[in-house]
Amino acid sequence: NQTAGLGSIHDPTRLVVELAQVFRLRGQNNVVRDNLIERPSMEQAERIEKTVFIRAPRSLNYGEVARLIDVVKGTGANPIGLQIDDLEQ
């Protein structure tokens, strides 16, 4: 999702609210991770697709990126992927 205006490293409140809403809608619509479709014995909340990719500019230092990952992890996101801008092709 390319949604803009989801806060900042220092105030990620809007991001947390947005992810909670997305995950709640996915739960209501039964959007489960592909590899867990055939595992109905798992709790529904554990099967919901909660993959998040973070695109971090190289200008952010490690601590800021780690802080953002912790915030996203706190929403229940799993797995979390990291994409660095401007990587050489």
N, C-alpha and C. Protein backbone atom coordinates (compact mmCIF):
# COMPACT_ATOMS: atom_id res chain seq x y z
N ASN A 1 0.85 -1.15 0.00
CA ASN A 1 0.00 0.00 0.00
C ASN A 1 0.90 1.23 0.00
N GLN A 2 0.56 2.18 -0.77
CA GLN A 2 1.36 3.40 -0.90
C GLN A 2 0.73 4.57 -0.14
N THR A 3 0.00 4.28 0.93
CA THR A 3 -0.67 5.32 1.68
C THR A 3 0.33 6.30 2.27
N ALA A 4 0.07 7.57 2.07
CA ALA A 4 0.96 8.62 2.60
C ALA A 4 0.37 9.18 3.89
N GLY A 5 1.22 9.86 4.62
CA GLY A 5 0.75 10.55 5.82
C GLY A 5 0.42 9.65 6.98
N LEU A 6 1.19 8.59 7.17
CA LEU A 6 0.91 7.66 8.26
C LEU A 6 1.76 7.93 9.49
N GLY A 7 2.23 9.15 9.63
CA GLY A 7 2.99 9.51 10.82
C GLY A 7 4.47 9.60 10.55
N SER A 8 5.22 9.48 11.63
CA SER A 8 6.67 9.58 11.53
C SER A 8 7.29 8.57 12.48
N ILE A 9 8.61 8.46 12.42
CA ILE A 9 9.33 7.58 13.33
C ILE A 9 9.00 7.96 14.78
N HIS A 10 8.88 9.23 15.05
CA HIS A 10 8.66 9.71 16.41
C HIS A 10 7.20 9.68 16.84
N ASP A 11 6.28 9.60 15.89
CA ASP A 11 4.85 9.51 16.20
C ASP A 11 4.16 8.60 15.18
N PRO A 12 4.25 7.28 15.39
CA PRO A 12 3.68 6.33 14.44
C PRO A 12 2.21 5.98 14.71
N THR A 13 1.53 6.80 15.47
CA THR A 13 0.16 6.49 15.88
C THR A 13 -0.75 6.19 14.70
N ARG A 14 -0.71 7.01 13.66
CA ARG A 14 -1.59 6.79 12.50
C ARG A 14 -1.27 5.47 11.81
N LEU A 15 0.01 5.11 11.75
CA LEU A 15 0.40 3.83 11.16
C LEU A 15 -0.18 2.68 11.97
N VAL A 16 -0.06 2.74 13.27
CA VAL A 16 -0.58 1.69 14.14
C VAL A 16 -2.09 1.54 13.97
N VAL A 17 -2.80 2.65 13.93
CA VAL A 17 -4.25 2.63 13.75
C VAL A 17 -4.61 2.05 12.38
N GLU A 18 -3.89 2.45 11.35
CA GLU A 18 -4.16 1.95 9.99
C GLU A 18 -3.92 0.44 9.90
N LEU A 19 -2.81 -0.03 10.45
CA LEU A 19 -2.53 -1.47 10.40
C LEU A 19 -3.59 -2.25 11.18
N ALA A 20 -3.99 -1.75 12.33
CA ALA A 20 -5.03 -2.43 13.12
C ALA A 20 -6.32 -2.53 12.31
N GLN A 21 -6.67 -1.47 11.60
CA GLN A 21 -7.88 -1.48 10.78
C GLN A 21 -7.75 -2.47 9.62
N VAL A 22 -6.61 -2.46 8.96
CA VAL A 22 -6.39 -3.39 7.84
C VAL A 22 -6.47 -4.83 8.32
N PHE A 23 -5.80 -5.14 9.44
CA PHE A 23 -5.82 -6.51 9.95
C PHE A 23 -7.23 -6.91 10.40
N ARG A 24 -7.98 -5.99 10.98
CA ARG A 24 -9.36 -6.27 11.39
C ARG A 24 -10.22 -6.59 10.16
N LEU A 25 -10.09 -5.78 9.10
CA LEU A 25 -10.85 -6.04 7.87
C LEU A 25 -10.46 -7.37 7.24
N ARG A 26 -9.19 -7.67 7.26
CA ARG A 26 -8.75 -8.97 6.72
C ARG A 26 -9.36 -10.11 7.52
N GLY A 27 -9.46 -9.95 8.82
CA GLY A 27 -10.09 -10.97 9.64
C GLY A 27 -11.57 -11.13 9.31
N GLN A 28 -12.26 -10.01 9.15
CA GLN A 28 -13.69 -10.04 8.81
C GLN A 28 -13.92 -10.67 7.44
N ASN A 29 -12.97 -10.47 6.52
CA ASN A 29 -13.10 -10.99 5.16
C ASN A 29 -12.39 -12.32 4.97
N ASN A 30 -11.89 -12.88 6.06
CA ASN A 30 -11.22 -14.18 6.03
C ASN A 30 -10.05 -14.22 5.05
N VAL A 31 -9.23 -13.18 5.06
CA VAL A 31 -8.04 -13.12 4.21
C VAL A 31 -6.91 -13.77 4.98
N VAL A 32 -6.63 -15.03 4.64
CA VAL A 32 -5.61 -15.78 5.37
C VAL A 32 -4.35 -15.95 4.51
N ARG A 33 -3.24 -16.17 5.19
CA ARG A 33 -1.98 -16.39 4.49
C ARG A 33 -2.09 -17.66 3.65
N ASP A 34 -1.54 -17.62 2.44
CA ASP A 34 -1.65 -18.74 1.51
C ASP A 34 -1.20 -20.05 2.13
N ASN A 35 -0.10 -20.02 2.86
CA ASN A 35 0.44 -21.26 3.41
C ASN A 35 -0.35 -21.76 4.63
N LEU A 36 -1.36 -21.02 5.05
CA LEU A 36 -2.15 -21.43 6.21
C LEU A 36 -3.61 -21.72 5.86
N ILE A 37 -3.95 -21.68 4.59
CA ILE A 37 -5.34 -21.92 4.17
C ILE A 37 -5.81 -23.30 4.62
N GLU A 38 -4.95 -24.28 4.48
CA GLU A 38 -5.32 -25.66 4.79
C GLU A 38 -5.05 -26.03 6.25
N ARG A 39 -5.00 -25.05 7.13
CA ARG A 39 -4.76 -25.32 8.55
C ARG A 39 -5.90 -24.75 9.40
N PRO A 40 -7.10 -25.29 9.21
CA PRO A 40 -8.25 -24.75 9.94
C PRO A 40 -8.17 -24.95 11.45
N SER A 41 -7.26 -25.82 11.91
CA SER A 41 -7.14 -26.04 13.35
C SER A 41 -6.47 -24.87 14.06
N MET A 42 -5.79 -24.01 13.29
CA MET A 42 -5.17 -22.83 13.88
C MET A 42 -6.23 -21.78 14.18
N GLU A 43 -5.97 -20.98 15.18
CA GLU A 43 -6.87 -19.87 15.49
C GLU A 43 -6.97 -18.95 14.27
N GLN A 44 -8.15 -18.42 14.02
CA GLN A 44 -8.37 -17.52 12.88
C GLN A 44 -7.42 -16.33 12.93
N ALA A 45 -7.23 -15.75 14.10
CA ALA A 45 -6.37 -14.56 14.24
C ALA A 45 -4.93 -14.86 13.84
N GLU A 46 -4.49 -16.10 14.03
CA GLU A 46 -3.12 -16.48 13.67
C GLU A 46 -2.98 -16.73 12.17
N ARG A 47 -4.07 -16.99 11.49
CA ARG A 47 -4.03 -17.32 10.07
C ARG A 47 -4.17 -16.09 9.17
N ILE A 48 -4.58 -14.96 9.73
CA ILE A 48 -4.83 -13.75 8.94
C ILE A 48 -3.53 -13.26 8.31
N GLU A 49 -3.62 -12.81 7.07
CA GLU A 49 -2.46 -12.24 6.36
C GLU A 49 -2.06 -10.94 7.03
N LYS A 50 -0.86 -10.93 7.60
CA LYS A 50 -0.36 -9.74 8.30
C LYS A 50 1.06 -9.41 7.88
N THR A 51 1.39 -9.72 6.64
CA THR A 51 2.71 -9.40 6.12
C THR A 51 2.81 -7.90 5.88
N VAL A 52 3.91 -7.30 6.31
CA VAL A 52 4.15 -5.87 6.13
C VAL A 52 5.56 -5.69 5.59
N PHE A 53 5.69 -4.86 4.57
CA PHE A 53 7.00 -4.47 4.05
C PHE A 53 7.24 -3.02 4.42
N ILE A 54 8.42 -2.75 4.91
CA ILE A 54 8.82 -1.40 5.27
C ILE A 54 9.85 -0.94 4.27
N ARG A 55 9.59 0.18 3.62
CA ARG A 55 10.56 0.76 2.70
C ARG A 55 11.26 1.90 3.43
N ALA A 56 12.53 1.70 3.69
CA ALA A 56 13.29 2.69 4.48
C ALA A 56 14.34 3.37 3.62
N PRO A 57 14.34 4.69 3.62
CA PRO A 57 15.41 5.39 2.89
C PRO A 57 16.74 5.19 3.60
N ARG A 58 17.80 5.20 2.83
CA ARG A 58 19.13 5.01 3.40
C ARG A 58 19.48 6.09 4.42
N SER A 59 18.79 7.21 4.37
CA SER A 59 19.09 8.31 5.29
C SER A 59 18.67 8.00 6.73
N LEU A 60 17.80 7.01 6.93
CA LEU A 60 17.42 6.64 8.30
C LEU A 60 18.52 5.82 8.93
N ASN A 61 18.80 6.10 10.19
CA ASN A 61 19.83 5.30 10.85
C ASN A 61 19.22 3.99 11.36
N TYR A 62 20.08 3.08 11.74
CA TYR A 62 19.65 1.74 12.16
C TYR A 62 18.64 1.82 13.31
N GLY A 63 18.90 2.67 14.29
CA GLY A 63 18.02 2.77 15.44
C GLY A 63 16.61 3.18 15.07
N GLU A 64 16.48 4.10 14.12
CA GLU A 64 15.16 4.54 13.69
C GLU A 64 14.41 3.42 12.97
N VAL A 65 15.13 2.69 12.14
CA VAL A 65 14.50 1.57 11.42
C VAL A 65 14.09 0.49 12.42
N ALA A 66 14.97 0.18 13.37
CA ALA A 66 14.66 -0.83 14.38
C ALA A 66 13.45 -0.42 15.20
N ARG A 67 13.35 0.85 15.55
CA ARG A 67 12.20 1.36 16.31
C ARG A 67 10.92 1.17 15.50
N LEU A 68 10.97 1.48 14.21
CA LEU A 68 9.79 1.31 13.36
C LEU A 68 9.40 -0.16 13.25
N ILE A 69 10.38 -1.03 13.10
CA ILE A 69 10.09 -2.47 13.04
C ILE A 69 9.41 -2.92 14.32
N ASP A 70 9.89 -2.46 15.47
CA ASP A 70 9.26 -2.81 16.75
C ASP A 70 7.82 -2.33 16.82
N VAL A 71 7.57 -1.12 16.34
CA VAL A 71 6.20 -0.59 16.34
C VAL A 71 5.30 -1.46 15.47
N VAL A 72 5.77 -1.79 14.28
CA VAL A 72 4.98 -2.60 13.35
C VAL A 72 4.77 -4.00 13.93
N LYS A 73 5.80 -4.56 14.52
CA LYS A 73 5.67 -5.88 15.15
C LYS A 73 4.62 -5.85 16.26
N GLY A 74 4.54 -4.74 16.98
CA GLY A 74 3.56 -4.60 18.05
C GLY A 74 2.12 -4.62 17.57
N THR A 75 1.90 -4.39 16.29
CA THR A 75 0.53 -4.44 15.74
C THR A 75 0.11 -5.87 15.42
N GLY A 76 1.05 -6.81 15.52
CA GLY A 76 0.76 -8.19 15.17
C GLY A 76 1.26 -8.57 13.79
N ALA A 77 1.91 -7.64 13.11
CA ALA A 77 2.43 -7.93 11.77
C ALA A 77 3.46 -9.05 11.82
N ASN A 78 3.36 -9.96 10.86
CA ASN A 78 4.31 -11.07 10.76
C ASN A 78 4.06 -11.80 9.45
N PRO A 79 5.06 -11.93 8.62
CA PRO A 79 6.43 -11.45 8.74
C PRO A 79 6.53 -9.97 8.37
N ILE A 80 7.69 -9.40 8.69
CA ILE A 80 7.98 -8.02 8.34
C ILE A 80 9.19 -8.02 7.43
N GLY A 81 9.02 -7.47 6.22
CA GLY A 81 10.12 -7.38 5.26
C GLY A 81 10.66 -5.97 5.23
N LEU A 82 11.92 -5.84 4.88
CA LEU A 82 12.56 -4.53 4.83
C LEU A 82 13.10 -4.31 3.43
N GLN A 83 12.71 -3.19 2.83
CA GLN A 83 13.18 -2.81 1.51
C GLN A 83 13.94 -1.50 1.65
N ILE A 84 15.16 -1.49 1.16
CA ILE A 84 15.98 -0.29 1.21
C ILE A 84 15.85 0.43 -0.13
N ASP A 85 15.58 1.74 -0.10
CA ASP A 85 15.51 2.53 -1.33
C ASP A 85 16.87 2.59 -2.00
N ASP A 86 16.85 2.72 -3.30
CA ASP A 86 18.04 2.98 -4.11
C ASP A 86 19.10 1.90 -4.05
N LEU A 87 18.69 0.64 -3.92
CA LEU A 87 19.68 -0.44 -4.00
C LEU A 87 20.13 -0.59 -5.44
N GLU A 88 21.40 -0.90 -5.62
CA GLU A 88 21.90 -1.10 -6.98
C GLU A 88 21.25 -2.34 -7.56
N GLN A 89 20.89 -2.26 -8.82
CA GLN A 89 20.22 -3.37 -9.49
C GLN A 89 21.21 -4.39 -9.99
